[in-house]
C-alpha atoms as a PDB file:
ATOM      1  CA  MET A   1       0.118  -0.078  -0.136  1.00  0.00           C
ATOM      2  CA  VAL A   2       1.852   3.525  -0.973  1.00  0.00           C
ATOM      3  CA  ILE A   3       1.641   5.673   1.739  1.00  0.00           C
ATOM      4  CA  GLY A   4       3.307   9.236   2.424  1.00  0.00           C
ATOM      5  CA  GLY A   5       3.805  12.171  -0.242  1.00  0.00           C
ATOM      6  CA  LEU A   6       1.973  10.032  -2.923  1.00  0.00           C
ATOM      7  CA  ALA A   7      -0.942   9.081  -0.438  1.00  0.00           C
ATOM      8  CA  VAL A   8      -1.100  12.943   0.842  1.00  0.00           C
ATOM      9  CA  ASN A   9      -1.121  14.199  -2.680  1.00  0.00           C
ATOM     10  CA  PHE A  10      -4.211  11.854  -4.080  1.00  0.00           C
ATOM     11  CA  HIS A  11      -6.312  12.811  -0.914  1.00  0.00           C
ATOM     12  CA  GLY A  12      -6.120  16.832  -2.255  1.00  0.00           C
ATOM     13  CA  TYR A  13      -2.971  18.529  -0.552  1.00  0.00           C
ATOM     14  CA  SER A  14      -0.370  18.419  -3.357  1.00  0.00           C
ATOM     15  CA  ARG A  15       3.359  18.724  -1.956  1.00  0.00           C
ATOM     16  CA  ASP A  16       6.310  17.523  -3.250  1.00  0.00           C
ATOM     17  CA  THR A  17       8.064  14.142  -2.651  1.00  0.00           C
ATOM     18  CA  ALA A  18      11.131  11.838  -3.834  1.00  0.00           C
ATOM     19  CA  ASP A  19      10.750   8.827  -2.144  1.00  0.00           C
ATOM     20  CA  LEU A  20       8.374   5.969  -2.243  1.00  0.00           C
ATOM     21  CA  ASP A  21       6.545   5.418   1.314  1.00  0.00           C
ATOM     22  CA  LEU A  22       5.065   1.716   1.412  1.00  0.00           C
ATOM     23  CA  LEU A  23       3.053   0.069   3.971  1.00  0.00           C
ATOM     24  CA  ILE A  24       3.773  -3.326   4.402  1.00  0.00           C
ATOM     25  CA  SER A  25       2.334  -6.237   6.618  1.00  0.00           C
ATOM     26  CA  SER A  26       5.332  -7.483   8.849  1.00  0.00           C
ATOM     27  CA  ALA A  27       4.724 -11.171   7.914  1.00  0.00           C
ATOM     28  CA  LYS A  28       5.895  -9.797   4.385  1.00  0.00           C
ATOM     29  CA  ARG A  29       8.444  -8.206   5.531  1.00  0.00           C
ATOM     30  CA  LYS A  30      11.703 -10.780   3.944  1.00  0.00           C
ATOM     31  CA  GLY A  31       9.693 -11.183   0.593  1.00  0.00           C
ATOM     32  CA  TRP A  32       9.903  -7.669   0.358  1.00  0.00           C
ATOM     33  CA  LEU A  33      13.233  -7.153   1.038  1.00  0.00           C
ATOM     34  CA  THR A  34      14.521  -9.649  -1.333  1.00  0.00           C
ATOM     35  CA  LEU A  35      12.286  -8.083  -4.197  1.00  0.00           C
ATOM     36  CA  PHE A  36      14.070  -4.890  -3.295  1.00  0.00           C
ATOM     37  CA  SER A  37      17.358  -6.732  -3.019  1.00  0.00           C
ATOM     38  CA  GLY A  38      17.028  -8.066  -6.366  1.00  0.00           C
ATOM     39  CA  LEU A  39      16.247  -4.393  -8.249  1.00  0.00           C
ATOM     40  CA  GLY A  40      19.631  -3.631  -6.842  1.00  0.00           C
ATOM     41  CA  TYR A  41      18.343  -1.719  -3.396  1.00  0.00           C
ATOM     42  CA  THR A  42      20.254  -1.953  -0.186  1.00  0.00           C
ATOM     43  CA  VAL A  43      18.987  -1.272   3.277  1.00  0.00           C
ATOM     44  CA  TYR A  44      20.427   1.609   4.351  1.00  0.00           C
ATOM     45  CA  ILE A  45      18.165   2.179   7.797  1.00  0.00           C
ATOM     46  CA  ASP A  46      16.653  -0.815   9.799  1.00  0.00           C
ATOM     47  CA  LYS A  47      14.669   0.239  12.539  1.00  0.00           C
ATOM     48  CA  GLY A  48      12.563  -2.728  12.806  1.00  0.00           C
ATOM     49  CA  ALA A  49       8.938  -1.806  11.996  1.00  0.00           C
ATOM     50  CA  PHE A  50      10.623   0.910   9.237  1.00  0.00           C
ATOM     51  CA  ILE A  51      13.154   0.177   6.755  1.00  0.00           C
ATOM     52  CA  GLN A  52      15.239   2.706   4.144  1.00  0.00           C
ATOM     53  CA  LEU A  53      16.659   1.662   1.277  1.00  0.00           C
ATOM     54  CA  SER A  54      18.881   3.104  -1.247  1.00  0.00           C
ATOM     55  CA  PRO A  55      18.280   2.730  -4.633  1.00  0.00           C
ATOM     56  CA  PRO A  56      20.890   1.014  -6.676  1.00  0.00           C
ATOM     57  CA  ARG A  57      21.610   4.172  -8.961  1.00  0.00           C
ATOM     58  CA  GLN A  58      21.933   8.024  -8.325  1.00  0.00           C
ATOM     59  CA  GLY A  59      18.669   9.736  -9.437  1.00  0.00           C
ATOM     60  CA  GLU A  60      16.112   6.642  -8.691  1.00  0.00           C
ATOM     61  CA  TRP A  61      14.036   7.226  -5.867  1.00  0.00           C
ATOM     62  CA  PRO A  62      15.006   5.655  -2.248  1.00  0.00           C
ATOM     63  CA  VAL A  63      12.064   3.483  -1.111  1.00  0.00           C
ATOM     64  CA  ASP A  64      10.585   3.368   2.846  1.00  0.00           C
ATOM     65  CA  LEU A  65       9.171   0.230   4.195  1.00  0.00           C
ATOM     66  CA  MET A  66       6.763   0.943   7.339  1.00  0.00           C
ATOM     67  CA  MET A  67       5.584  -2.651   8.854  1.00  0.00           C
ATOM     68  CA  VAL A  68       2.210  -3.635  10.724  1.00  0.00           C
ATOM     69  CA  GLY A  69       0.481  -6.416  11.773  1.00  0.00           C
ATOM     70  CA  GLU A  70      -1.985  -8.180   9.926  1.00  0.00           C
ATOM     71  CA  PRO A  71      -4.731  -7.337  11.711  1.00  0.00           C
ATOM     72  CA  THR A  72      -3.500  -3.283  11.404  1.00  0.00           C
ATOM     73  CA  PHE A  73      -2.717  -4.228   7.754  1.00  0.00           C
ATOM     74  CA  ARG A  74      -5.747  -6.214   6.536  1.00  0.00           C
ATOM     75  CA  PRO A  75      -8.430  -3.517   7.087  1.00  0.00           C
ATOM     76  CA  MET A  76      -6.572  -0.911   5.668  1.00  0.00           C
ATOM     77  CA  LEU A  77      -5.656  -2.569   2.609  1.00  0.00           C
ATOM     78  CA  ASN A  78      -9.227  -3.378   2.224  1.00  0.00           C
ATOM     79  CA  GLN A  79     -10.755  -0.142   2.809  1.00  0.00           C
ATOM     80  CA  GLY A  80      -8.079   1.720   0.594  1.00  0.00           C
ATOM     81  CA  ARG A  81      -8.728   3.355  -2.529  1.00  0.00           C
ATOM     82  CA  ALA A  82      -7.115   2.165  -6.020  1.00  0.00           C
ATOM     83  CA  VAL A  83      -4.985   5.037  -7.777  1.00  0.00           C
ATOM     84  CA  GLU A  84      -3.025   4.987 -10.931  1.00  0.00           C
ATOM     85  CA  ILE A  85       0.277   6.302  -9.871  1.00  0.00           C
ATOM     86  CA  TYR A  86       2.565   6.354 -12.776  1.00  0.00           C
ATOM     87  CA  GLY A  87       0.995   4.311 -15.201  1.00  0.00           C
ATOM     88  CA  THR A  88       0.626   1.324 -12.389  1.00  0.00           C
ATOM     89  CA  ARG A  89      -2.720   0.579 -10.297  1.00  0.00           C
ATOM     90  CA  MET A  90      -1.708   0.991  -6.553  1.00  0.00           C
ATOM     91  CA  ILE A  91      -3.543   1.243  -3.065  1.00  0.00           C
ATOM     92  CA  ILE A  92      -3.474   4.341  -0.862  1.00  0.00           C
ATOM     93  CA  PRO A  93      -5.182   4.407   2.495  1.00  0.00           C
ATOM     94  CA  ASP A  94      -8.444   5.966   2.785  1.00  0.00           C
ATOM     95  CA  LEU A  95      -8.149   9.601   4.540  1.00  0.00           C
ATOM     96  CA  GLU A  96      -8.971   8.267   7.889  1.00  0.00           C
ATOM     97  CA  HIS A  97      -6.296   5.532   7.982  1.00  0.00           C
ATOM     98  CA  LEU A  98      -3.867   8.087   6.109  1.00  0.00           C
ATOM     99  CA  LEU A  99      -4.374  10.885   8.964  1.00  0.00           C
ATOM    100  CA  THR A 100      -3.984   7.655  11.216  1.00  0.00           C
ATOM    101  CA  LEU A 101      -0.804   6.576   9.831  1.00  0.00           C
ATOM    102  CA  LYS A 102       0.513  10.503   9.782  1.00  0.00           C
ATOM    103  CA  LEU A 103      -0.671  10.643  13.164  1.00  0.00           C
ATOM    104  CA  HIS A 104       1.152   8.011  14.837  1.00  0.00           C
ATOM    105  CA  VAL A 105       4.463   9.333  13.163  1.00  0.00           C
ATOM    106  CA  LEU A 106       4.339  12.757  14.520  1.00  0.00           C
ATOM    107  CA  LYS A 107       3.469  10.677  17.572  1.00  0.00           C
ATOM    108  CA  HIS A 108       7.081   9.125  17.210  1.00  0.00           C
ATOM    109  CA  ALA A 109       8.991  11.295  15.455  1.00  0.00           C
ATOM    110  CA  ASN A 110      11.782  13.173  15.883  1.00  0.00           C
ATOM    111  CA  ILE A 111      11.996  16.845  15.466  1.00  0.00           C
ATOM    112  CA  GLY A 112      13.524  16.843  12.070  1.00  0.00           C
ATOM    113  CA  ARG A 113      10.208  14.917  10.482  1.00  0.00           C
ATOM    114  CA  PHE A 114       7.765  16.615  12.628  1.00  0.00           C
ATOM    115  CA  MET A 115       7.059  19.908  10.265  1.00  0.00           C
ATOM    116  CA  LYS A 116       6.292  17.525   7.126  1.00  0.00           C
ATOM    117  CA  ASP A 117       3.944  15.540   8.647  1.00  0.00           C
ATOM    118  CA  PHE A 118       2.398  18.087  10.734  1.00  0.00           C
ATOM    119  CA  LEU A 119       1.922  20.263   7.644  1.00  0.00           C
ATOM    120  CA  ASP A 120       0.520  16.900   5.546  1.00  0.00           C
ATOM    121  CA  VAL A 121      -1.941  16.618   8.538  1.00  0.00           C
ATOM    122  CA  GLU A 122      -3.129  20.488   8.888  1.00  0.00           C
ATOM    123  CA  ASN A 123      -3.836  20.548   4.949  1.00  0.00           C
ATOM    124  CA  LEU A 124      -5.390  17.323   4.790  1.00  0.00           C
ATOM    125  CA  VAL A 125      -7.885  18.322   7.352  1.00  0.00           C
ATOM    126  CA  ARG A 126      -8.316  22.073   5.749  1.00  0.00           C
ATOM    127  CA  VAL A 127      -8.529  20.939   2.086  1.00  0.00           C
ATOM    128  CA  ASN A 128     -11.016  17.653   2.807  1.00  0.00           C
ATOM    129  CA  ARG A 129     -12.664  20.169   5.355  1.00  0.00           C
ATOM    130  CA  ILE A 130     -12.728  17.782   8.236  1.00  0.00           C
ATOM    131  CA  ASP A 131     -14.285  19.189  11.259  1.00  0.00           C
ATOM    132  CA  LEU A 132     -12.030  19.134  14.209  1.00  0.00           C
ATOM    133  CA  ARG A 133     -14.237  19.852  16.663  1.00  0.00           C
ATOM    134  CA  SER A 134     -15.750  16.698  15.423  1.00  0.00           C
ATOM    135  CA  GLU A 135     -15.821  13.974  18.603  1.00  0.00           C
ATOM    136  CA  VAL A 136     -14.843  11.428  16.350  1.00  0.00           C
ATOM    137  CA  VAL A 137     -11.890  13.562  14.627  1.00  0.00           C
ATOM    138  CA  ARG A 138     -11.210  14.196  18.237  1.00  0.00           C
ATOM    139  CA  ARG A 139     -10.812  10.918  19.726  1.00  0.00           C
ATOM    140  CA  LEU A 140      -8.900   9.891  16.471  1.00  0.00           C
ATOM    141  CA  PHE A 141      -6.159  12.574  17.144  1.00  0.00           C
ATOM    142  CA  LEU A 142      -6.024  11.384  21.088  1.00  0.00           C
ATOM    143  CA  LYS A 143      -5.681   7.226  20.330  1.00  0.00           C
ATOM    144  CA  TYR A 144      -3.044   7.421  17.379  1.00  0.00           C
ATOM    145  CA  GLY A 145      -1.536  11.145  18.017  1.00  0.00           C
ATOM    146  CA  THR A 146      -1.322  13.362  21.545  1.00  0.00           C
ATOM    147  CA  ALA A 147      -3.687  15.993  22.878  1.00  0.00           C
ATOM    148  CA  GLU A 148      -1.472  18.605  22.171  1.00  0.00           C
ATOM    149  CA  LEU A 149      -1.052  17.578  18.685  1.00  0.00           C
ATOM    150  CA  TYR A 150      -4.736  17.785  18.189  1.00  0.00           C
ATOM    151  CA  GLU A 151      -4.946  21.464  19.834  1.00  0.00           C
ATOM    152  CA  LYS A 152      -1.952  22.349  17.531  1.00  0.00           C
ATOM    153  CA  ALA A 153      -3.750  21.278  14.209  1.00  0.00           C
ATOM    154  CA  SER A 154      -6.748  23.025  15.873  1.00  0.00           C
ATOM    155  CA  HIS A 155      -5.065  26.179  16.075  1.00  0.00           C
ATOM    156  CA  ALA A 156      -3.364  25.898  13.023  1.00  0.00           C
ATOM    157  CA  CYS A 157      -6.455  25.356  11.128  1.00  0.00           C
ATOM    158  CA  ALA A 158      -8.234  27.797  12.564  1.00  0.00           C
ATOM    159  CA  THR A 159      -6.170  30.223  12.347  1.00  0.00           C
ATOM    160  CA  ARG A 160      -5.519  29.529   8.563  1.00  0.00           C
ATOM    161  CA  GLU A 161      -9.453  29.944   8.058  1.00  0.00           C
ATOM    162  CA  VAL A 162      -8.975  33.728   9.537  1.00  0.00           C
END
């Protein structure tokens, strides 16, 4: 399943990206690593649930693999949306699952990634007219993110509306 910047673009907020982010089932980790190794990719960083792969040639896109358990992966895949990316049919998460992934990353991210992912959340909320005052949305932020993220997003979206 394609996540990250490419998925964000398909949900109405256009931003540049220079890598391919994939969400995969942890059970398929070895198969994906074998596939990318066969294509000439090498593991740059392996943090267990997150792997960054360097491309075989300069100018080609790096690949990031984010692994989740099958009970998390299967519903996201089943509720995902088929899109065409560079002439290939792929699946992206629905908007709720994409926000969930972004909130999870923000909750655990280092400061270097924070602003990019926060802007994704803020702009996805704004472009898709998500009501942050909704109890459902607030619970989503609190379950997968933090109360602080909810307050920051609420403030940022309210400020931009003025």
